[in-house]
Protein backbone atom coordinates (compact mmCIF):
# COMPACT_ATOMS: atom_id res chain seq x y z
CA MET A 1 -65.93 -5.69 -198.12
CA ALA A 2 -69.46 -3.43 -197.12
CA ARG A 3 -68.29 -0.02 -196.17
CA SER A 4 -70.50 -0.33 -192.35
CA THR A 5 -68.26 -3.70 -191.88
CA LEU A 6 -65.08 -2.10 -192.93
CA THR A 7 -65.95 0.94 -190.66
CA ALA A 8 -67.03 -1.00 -187.81
CA ASP A 9 -63.43 -2.91 -188.07
CA VAL A 10 -61.40 0.39 -188.22
CA GLN A 11 -63.00 1.61 -185.00
CA GLU A 12 -61.88 -1.78 -183.62
CA SER A 13 -58.49 -1.09 -184.99
CA ILE A 14 -58.32 2.17 -183.67
CA LYS A 15 -59.48 1.43 -180.00
CA GLN A 16 -56.48 -1.89 -180.18
CA LEU A 17 -54.40 1.15 -180.92
CA ILE A 18 -55.17 3.14 -178.34
CA LEU A 19 -55.03 -0.12 -175.93
CA GLU A 20 -51.41 -1.09 -177.36
CA ARG A 21 -50.08 2.18 -176.89
CA GLY A 22 -50.99 2.82 -173.62
CA LEU A 23 -53.04 6.06 -174.46
CA ALA A 24 -55.15 8.29 -171.92
CA PRO A 25 -57.97 10.52 -172.48
CA GLY A 26 -56.45 13.85 -174.21
CA SER A 27 -53.50 11.76 -175.73
CA PRO A 28 -53.20 12.80 -179.35
CA LEU A 29 -53.58 9.87 -181.89
CA PRO A 30 -51.42 9.64 -184.85
CA PRO A 31 -52.40 11.97 -187.77
CA GLU A 32 -55.09 10.75 -190.24
CA GLY A 33 -52.46 9.82 -193.41
CA GLU A 34 -50.43 7.56 -190.83
CA LEU A 35 -53.93 5.89 -189.56
CA ALA A 36 -54.86 5.05 -192.60
CA GLU A 37 -51.75 3.67 -193.96
CA LEU A 38 -51.43 1.91 -190.77
CA PHE A 39 -54.87 -0.01 -191.14
CA ASP A 40 -54.64 0.25 -194.89
CA VAL A 41 -57.71 2.13 -195.66
CA SER A 42 -59.02 5.31 -197.46
CA ARG A 43 -59.22 8.62 -195.46
CA VAL A 44 -62.89 8.30 -196.30
CA SER A 45 -63.28 5.10 -194.19
CA LEU A 46 -60.96 6.27 -191.51
CA ARG A 47 -62.95 9.53 -191.00
CA GLU A 48 -66.35 7.57 -190.79
CA ALA A 49 -64.80 5.62 -188.11
CA LEU A 50 -63.35 8.40 -186.27
CA LYS A 51 -66.53 10.27 -186.64
CA ALA A 52 -68.68 7.38 -184.98
CA LEU A 53 -65.87 6.91 -182.46
CA GLN A 54 -66.39 10.91 -181.35
CA ALA A 55 -70.01 10.23 -180.97
CA LEU A 56 -69.38 7.46 -178.28
CA GLN A 57 -66.42 9.86 -176.82
CA VAL A 58 -63.85 7.26 -177.38
CA ILE A 59 -61.95 9.68 -179.34
CA GLU A 60 -62.04 13.67 -179.86
CA ILE A 61 -61.42 15.80 -183.17
CA ARG A 62 -60.01 19.29 -183.00
CA ARG A 63 -60.50 20.91 -185.72
CA GLY A 64 -56.83 22.31 -186.69
CA SER A 65 -54.98 20.43 -183.74
CA GLY A 66 -55.81 16.60 -184.44
CA THR A 67 -57.34 13.54 -183.36
CA PHE A 68 -57.24 12.56 -179.77
CA VAL A 69 -58.18 9.97 -177.07
CA GLY A 70 -61.64 11.28 -175.89
CA SER A 71 -63.27 11.33 -172.23
CA LEU A 72 -64.40 7.99 -172.62
CA SER A 73 -67.39 9.11 -170.48
CA LEU A 74 -70.19 6.55 -169.86
CA ASP A 75 -72.99 9.43 -170.80
CA PRO A 76 -73.60 7.38 -174.58
CA PHE A 77 -73.96 4.29 -172.64
CA VAL A 78 -76.49 5.84 -169.94
CA LYS A 79 -78.27 7.89 -172.55
CA GLY A 80 -78.69 4.61 -174.80
CA LEU A 81 -80.01 2.72 -171.75
CA ALA A 82 -82.11 5.35 -170.66
CA PHE A 83 -83.92 5.63 -173.92
CA ARG A 84 -84.48 2.06 -174.46
CA ALA A 85 -85.85 1.49 -171.06
CA ALA A 86 -88.30 4.01 -172.16
CA VAL A 87 -89.07 2.48 -175.33
CA ARG A 88 -89.90 -0.45 -174.05
CA HIS A 89 -91.84 1.11 -171.24
CA ARG A 90 -94.04 2.65 -173.58
CA ASN A 91 -94.98 -0.58 -175.38
CA GLY A 92 -95.77 -2.57 -172.49
CA GLU A 93 -92.51 -4.23 -171.21
CA PRO A 94 -91.17 -4.17 -167.74
CA SER A 95 -88.34 -2.40 -168.34
CA LEU A 96 -88.03 0.13 -166.25
CA TYR A 97 -89.08 -2.37 -163.64
CA GLU A 98 -85.87 -4.40 -164.29
CA LEU A 99 -83.63 -1.50 -164.53
CA MET A 100 -84.75 -0.44 -160.97
CA ARG A 101 -84.06 -4.09 -159.63
CA VAL A 102 -80.83 -3.48 -160.87
CA ARG A 103 -80.15 -0.11 -158.82
CA GLU A 104 -81.87 -1.47 -156.11
CA ALA A 105 -79.16 -4.40 -155.84
CA LEU A 106 -76.15 -2.18 -156.44
CA GLU A 107 -77.61 0.81 -153.50
CA ALA A 108 -78.54 -2.16 -151.23
CA GLY A 109 -75.25 -4.27 -151.80
CA LEU A 110 -72.98 -1.08 -151.56
CA ILE A 111 -74.68 0.85 -148.46
CA GLU A 112 -73.09 -1.50 -146.13
CA SER A 113 -69.21 -0.77 -147.53
CA VAL A 114 -70.57 3.43 -147.27
CA ALA A 115 -71.55 2.57 -143.46
CA VAL A 116 -68.31 1.21 -142.57
CA SER A 117 -66.54 4.19 -143.46
CA LEU A 118 -68.48 7.23 -144.18
CA PRO A 119 -66.79 10.59 -143.76
CA GLU A 120 -68.51 12.88 -141.45
CA GLU A 121 -69.12 15.97 -143.98
CA ASP A 122 -70.98 13.37 -146.14
CA LEU A 123 -72.87 12.20 -143.17
CA GLU A 124 -74.03 16.02 -142.65
CA ALA A 125 -74.19 16.53 -146.23
CA LEU A 126 -77.12 13.62 -146.42
CA ARG A 127 -78.47 14.86 -143.01
CA GLY A 128 -78.92 18.42 -144.98
CA ILE A 129 -80.33 16.79 -147.74
CA VAL A 130 -82.96 15.05 -145.58
CA ALA A 131 -83.84 18.27 -144.06
CA GLU A 132 -84.67 19.84 -147.48
CA MET A 133 -86.57 17.04 -148.02
CA GLU A 134 -88.97 17.30 -144.87
CA LYS A 135 -89.14 20.99 -145.93
CA GLU A 136 -90.43 20.11 -149.34
CA ALA A 137 -92.48 17.30 -147.71
CA GLU A 138 -94.87 20.08 -146.35
CA THR A 139 -96.08 20.93 -149.88
CA GLY A 140 -96.75 17.24 -150.43
CA ARG A 141 -94.06 15.62 -152.39
CA VAL A 142 -90.05 15.56 -152.19
CA ALA A 143 -88.38 17.01 -155.57
CA ARG A 144 -86.91 14.37 -157.76
CA ALA A 145 -83.62 16.56 -157.84
CA THR A 146 -83.38 16.32 -154.02
CA ASP A 147 -84.06 12.61 -154.30
CA ARG A 148 -81.28 12.33 -156.97
CA ALA A 149 -78.95 14.63 -154.79
CA PHE A 150 -79.31 12.30 -151.89
CA HIS A 151 -78.22 9.12 -153.86
CA VAL A 152 -75.38 10.99 -155.41
CA ALA A 153 -73.83 12.13 -152.07
CA LEU A 154 -74.90 8.65 -150.45
CA TYR A 155 -72.26 7.02 -152.56
CA ARG A 156 -69.33 9.79 -153.12
CA SER A 157 -67.12 8.28 -150.48
CA LEU A 158 -66.90 5.11 -152.61
CA ASP A 159 -65.12 7.00 -155.56
CA ASN A 160 -66.88 4.71 -157.86
CA TYR A 161 -67.64 6.51 -161.09
CA LEU A 162 -69.49 3.61 -162.56
CA LEU A 163 -71.82 3.40 -160.16
CA SER A 164 -72.78 6.91 -160.42
CA GLU A 165 -73.20 6.32 -164.44
CA VAL A 166 -75.53 3.50 -163.62
CA LEU A 167 -77.72 5.41 -161.39
CA ASP A 168 -78.00 8.41 -163.59
CA ALA A 169 -79.34 5.91 -166.41
CA PHE A 170 -81.90 5.20 -164.14
CA TRP A 171 -82.86 8.76 -163.30
CA ALA A 172 -82.58 9.65 -166.96
CA ALA A 173 -85.01 6.74 -167.87
CA MET A 174 -87.53 7.90 -165.13
CA ASP A 175 -87.24 11.70 -166.34
CA GLN A 176 -88.03 10.36 -169.99
CA VAL A 177 -91.80 8.59 -168.68
CA ARG A 178 -92.35 10.80 -165.47
CA ASP A 179 -95.81 11.08 -166.41
CA ASP A 180 -96.13 7.63 -166.86
CA ILE A 181 -95.08 6.50 -163.42
CA GLY A 182 -97.19 8.64 -161.91
CA ASP A 183 -95.13 10.76 -159.33
CA SER A 184 -98.20 12.01 -157.41
CA HIS A 185 -98.51 8.56 -155.98
CA GLN A 186 -95.46 9.56 -154.03
CA VAL A 187 -95.75 10.70 -150.62
CA GLY A 188 -93.31 13.53 -149.41
CA ALA A 189 -93.65 12.53 -145.81
CA VAL A 190 -92.94 9.06 -146.64
CA THR A 191 -89.94 9.39 -148.86
CA ALA A 192 -88.16 11.47 -146.14
CA ALA A 193 -88.73 9.74 -143.76
CA HIS A 194 -87.37 6.56 -145.78
CA HIS A 195 -84.24 8.49 -146.41
CA LYS A 196 -84.20 9.62 -142.74
CA ALA A 197 -83.91 6.17 -141.88
CA ILE A 198 -81.18 5.80 -143.82
CA VAL A 199 -79.06 8.42 -142.42
CA GLU A 200 -79.69 7.07 -139.04
CA ALA A 201 -78.74 3.77 -139.76
CA LEU A 202 -75.17 5.32 -141.54
CA ALA A 203 -75.06 7.66 -138.11
CA ALA A 204 -74.87 4.44 -136.23
CA ALA A 205 -72.23 2.50 -138.83
CA ASP A 206 -75.13 -0.25 -138.49
CA GLY A 207 -74.70 -1.56 -141.90
CA PRO A 208 -77.55 -4.22 -142.32
CA ARG A 209 -80.01 -1.65 -141.25
CA ALA A 210 -79.24 0.63 -143.29
CA ALA A 211 -79.46 -2.21 -146.24
CA ALA A 212 -82.78 -2.95 -144.54
CA ALA A 213 -83.71 0.84 -144.86
CA MET A 214 -82.73 1.27 -148.48
CA ARG A 215 -84.83 -1.85 -149.11
CA THR A 216 -87.85 -0.56 -147.49
CA HIS A 217 -87.39 2.48 -149.29
CA PHE A 218 -87.52 0.69 -152.64
CA ASP A 219 -91.12 -0.94 -151.65
CA GLY A 220 -92.93 1.77 -153.18
CA ILE A 221 -91.57 2.29 -156.50
CA ARG A 222 -91.01 -1.53 -156.84
CA GLU A 223 -94.66 -2.00 -156.48
CA ARG A 224 -95.23 0.82 -159.09
CA LEU A 225 -93.31 -0.28 -161.95
CA ALA A 226 -93.88 -4.30 -161.23
CA PRO A 227 -95.80 -5.64 -164.04
CA GLY A 228 -99.23 -5.25 -163.18
CA GLY A 229 -98.34 -1.86 -161.11
CA VAL A 230 -99.35 1.85 -161.69
CA ALA A 231 -96.82 2.20 -164.31
CA ALA A 232 -98.04 -1.01 -165.97
CA ALA A 233 -101.50 0.05 -166.48
CA VAL A 234 -100.20 3.04 -168.74
CA ARG A 235 -101.56 2.06 -172.63
CA PRO A 236 -98.71 1.41 -175.22
CA VAL A 237 -98.10 4.28 -177.58
CA ASP A 238 -99.54 3.33 -181.07
C-alpha cells in the first residue's frame, strides 16, 4: 500500500477511534505504541498520520505529555476556503462573488431569528458600532474591522459557532484581495446608513424588514464582485 494511502487510512482510523470512544477536545488518546498495535501499522506511519491531523487541529501532540484530541477548530477550513477563493479570484473566476452569495443567504436568512429575540445588551452594542461607523464615515469610509465587528455582534445571540467561522472565511478571503476589489468604492456614509437601517429594524423586532435591509446592504458589494463588476475587471495574475 502506498504510504500516502496508508497515512490517510490511519488518519481515518484515529478519527473513528475518537468518535467511537466519545472523546472530547482535550481528552487523551492512547500511547503511540498502543495505537500502532491497534491499527497494525508502524510508528513511522502513525506519526505521519498524527502530524497531518495536528495540522487540521483534530489532535494535539504535547511533547512529553502525549497526544490529545485537538480543539477541532474550523480555522484550517476557514484559511483553506479563503485561500481558494483568493487564488481563483486572481485567476479571473467569480469565487469571491460565490462566497459573498453564500454569506448573503446565511445572514439574510438568519437575521429574522435574531430580530425575534435579540438581547437588549446586543442591541446596544450594535447601536454603539453604528455610531462608530458614522464617526468613521466622516473621513470617507468605514473601517473593515468596524464592519466586521458589527456582523460578529449581530449573530452573537444565536450562539452558532459554525456561522461565525463561515463569516470569518469571507472576511479572510476579502482581506487577501482587498486591493483588487476596490475598497475606495465603498462610501462610508452609505455603509453606516445601511447598518443603521438594520439596527432600526431589529429594534422594532421586524424580521422581514431586517432581512430586506440586510439585502440592501449587500447590493453594492454584489455589484462589485459579480462577473463583469469592478472586481472582475482586475487582470488575472500571470
